[in-house]
Protein backbone atom coordinates (compact mmCIF):
# COMPACT_ATOMS: atom_id res chain seq x y z
CA MET A 1 -0.05 0.19 0.02
CA ILE A 2 2.60 2.56 0.90
CA LEU A 3 4.84 1.66 -2.35
CA ALA A 4 1.62 2.08 -4.44
CA ALA A 5 0.62 5.21 -3.04
CA PHE A 6 4.07 6.59 -3.05
CA ILE A 7 4.54 5.77 -6.55
CA ILE A 8 1.16 6.90 -7.99
CA GLY A 9 1.30 10.18 -5.77
CA MET A 10 4.99 10.95 -6.93
CA ALA A 11 3.98 10.66 -10.41
CA LEU A 12 0.93 12.83 -10.18
CA CYS A 13 3.13 15.54 -8.45
CA GLY A 14 5.59 15.56 -11.41
CA VAL A 15 2.77 16.14 -13.99
CA THR A 16 1.11 18.55 -11.84
CA LEU A 17 4.21 20.44 -11.32
CA ALA A 18 5.45 20.21 -14.81
CA LEU A 19 2.02 21.41 -16.09
CA ILE A 20 2.22 24.32 -13.85
CA ARG A 21 5.55 25.48 -14.85
CA ALA A 22 4.77 25.26 -18.50
CA GLU A 23 1.55 27.03 -18.39
CA ASP A 24 0.64 30.73 -18.86
CA THR A 25 -2.70 30.44 -17.19
CA PHE A 26 -5.53 32.71 -16.50
CA ASP A 27 -6.92 30.47 -13.91
CA LYS A 28 -4.78 31.86 -10.86
CA PHE A 29 -6.75 30.26 -8.02
CA GLY A 30 -6.73 26.80 -9.73
CA SER A 31 -2.98 27.14 -10.39
CA ALA A 32 -2.20 28.18 -7.05
CA ALA A 33 -4.70 25.33 -5.46
CA ALA A 34 -2.96 22.62 -7.63
CA MET A 35 0.60 24.03 -6.74
CA PHE A 36 -0.04 24.26 -2.93
CA SER A 37 -1.67 20.57 -3.06
CA ALA A 38 1.53 19.21 -5.23
CA TRP A 39 3.92 20.78 -3.00
CA CYS A 40 2.39 19.33 0.01
CA ALA A 41 1.83 16.30 -1.12
CA PHE A 42 5.37 16.02 -2.51
CA GLY A 43 6.70 16.69 0.84
CA MET A 44 4.40 14.39 2.53
CA LEU A 45 5.29 11.51 0.04
CA LEU A 46 9.06 11.86 0.70
CA MET A 47 8.61 11.94 4.61
CA ALA A 48 6.34 8.72 4.43
CA GLY A 49 8.81 7.19 1.65
CA VAL A 50 11.76 7.73 4.17
CA TYR A 51 9.79 5.99 6.91
CA GLY A 52 8.02 3.22 4.92
CA LEU A 53 10.65 2.43 1.99
CA GLY A 54 13.98 3.24 3.26
CA LEU A 55 16.24 6.14 1.82
CA VAL A 56 17.04 5.13 -1.88
CA LEU A 57 13.57 4.87 -3.45
CA PRO A 58 12.39 8.45 -2.14
CA ALA A 59 15.70 10.18 -3.08
CA ILE A 60 15.20 8.66 -6.79
CA ALA A 61 11.59 9.58 -7.14
CA GLY A 62 12.12 13.00 -5.38
CA GLY A 63 15.13 13.88 -8.12
CA ILE A 64 13.29 12.51 -10.98
CA VAL A 65 9.98 14.74 -10.12
CA LEU A 66 12.12 17.75 -9.76
CA ALA A 67 13.95 16.70 -13.00
CA LEU A 68 11.02 16.34 -14.94
CA ARG A 69 9.55 19.91 -13.92
CA THR A 70 11.16 21.44 -17.31
CA GLN A 71 8.94 23.34 -19.28
CA LYS A 72 9.67 21.03 -22.35
CA PHE A 73 8.34 18.16 -20.61
CA GLY A 74 5.14 20.35 -19.41
CA GLN A 75 4.46 21.26 -22.76
CA ARG A 76 4.25 17.94 -24.40
CA LEU A 77 1.45 17.22 -21.70
CA GLY A 78 -0.29 20.30 -22.67
CA ALA A 79 -3.48 18.48 -23.27
CA LEU A 80 -3.56 17.91 -19.70
CA ALA A 81 -3.58 21.39 -18.36
CA SER A 82 -7.04 21.87 -17.45
CA TYR A 83 -6.74 18.77 -15.05
CA LYS A 84 -3.80 20.28 -12.96
CA LEU A 85 -6.10 20.85 -9.88
CA PRO A 86 -7.57 17.19 -9.86
CA PHE A 87 -3.92 15.93 -10.56
CA GLY A 88 -2.79 17.95 -7.67
CA VAL A 89 -5.61 17.09 -5.26
CA ALA A 90 -5.24 13.28 -6.11
CA ALA A 91 -1.44 13.20 -4.99
CA LEU A 92 -2.26 15.18 -1.98
CA VAL A 93 -4.92 12.15 -1.21
CA CYS A 94 -2.08 9.74 -2.35
CA SER A 95 0.13 11.36 0.10
CA VAL A 96 -2.65 10.69 2.80
CA LEU A 97 -2.87 6.97 2.03
CA ALA A 98 0.95 6.62 2.23
CA TRP A 99 1.06 8.19 5.63
CA ILE A 100 -2.23 5.53 6.88
CA GLY A 101 0.34 2.80 5.61
CA VAL A 102 3.38 4.06 7.36
CA LEU A 103 1.41 4.59 10.68
CA ASN A 104 0.01 1.05 10.52
CA LEU A 105 3.51 -0.37 10.03
CA MET A 106 4.60 1.78 13.04
CA GLU A 107 2.18 0.28 15.08
CA ASP A 108 3.07 -3.28 14.35
CA ILE A 109 6.79 -2.54 15.16
CA PRO A 110 7.43 -2.80 19.20
CA TYR A 111 8.97 0.09 20.71
CA GLY A 112 8.89 1.85 17.31
């Protein structure tokens, strides 16, 4: 559960951040809400990934997400520009699911 939520959430964060960076938008509120939810999800997913998956996978995934924030990649996904807010909120939901998995894992570890 932690791994699936982590991978899906990081992919959604990468897509959302790439779309926001590439788009000159008239929807300032939607872009701001999408950016807020994507960055919150990114931080929460990195923390949940470190607790539940170790250091290597979150570091690699975080680097990939930050590298894919280029304008060139975002322009390739231009058809999805109207979905940046749902993608950001879905990334936030995935980060909450990853944290639920981490807390269940920590509950099973004695003296953890």
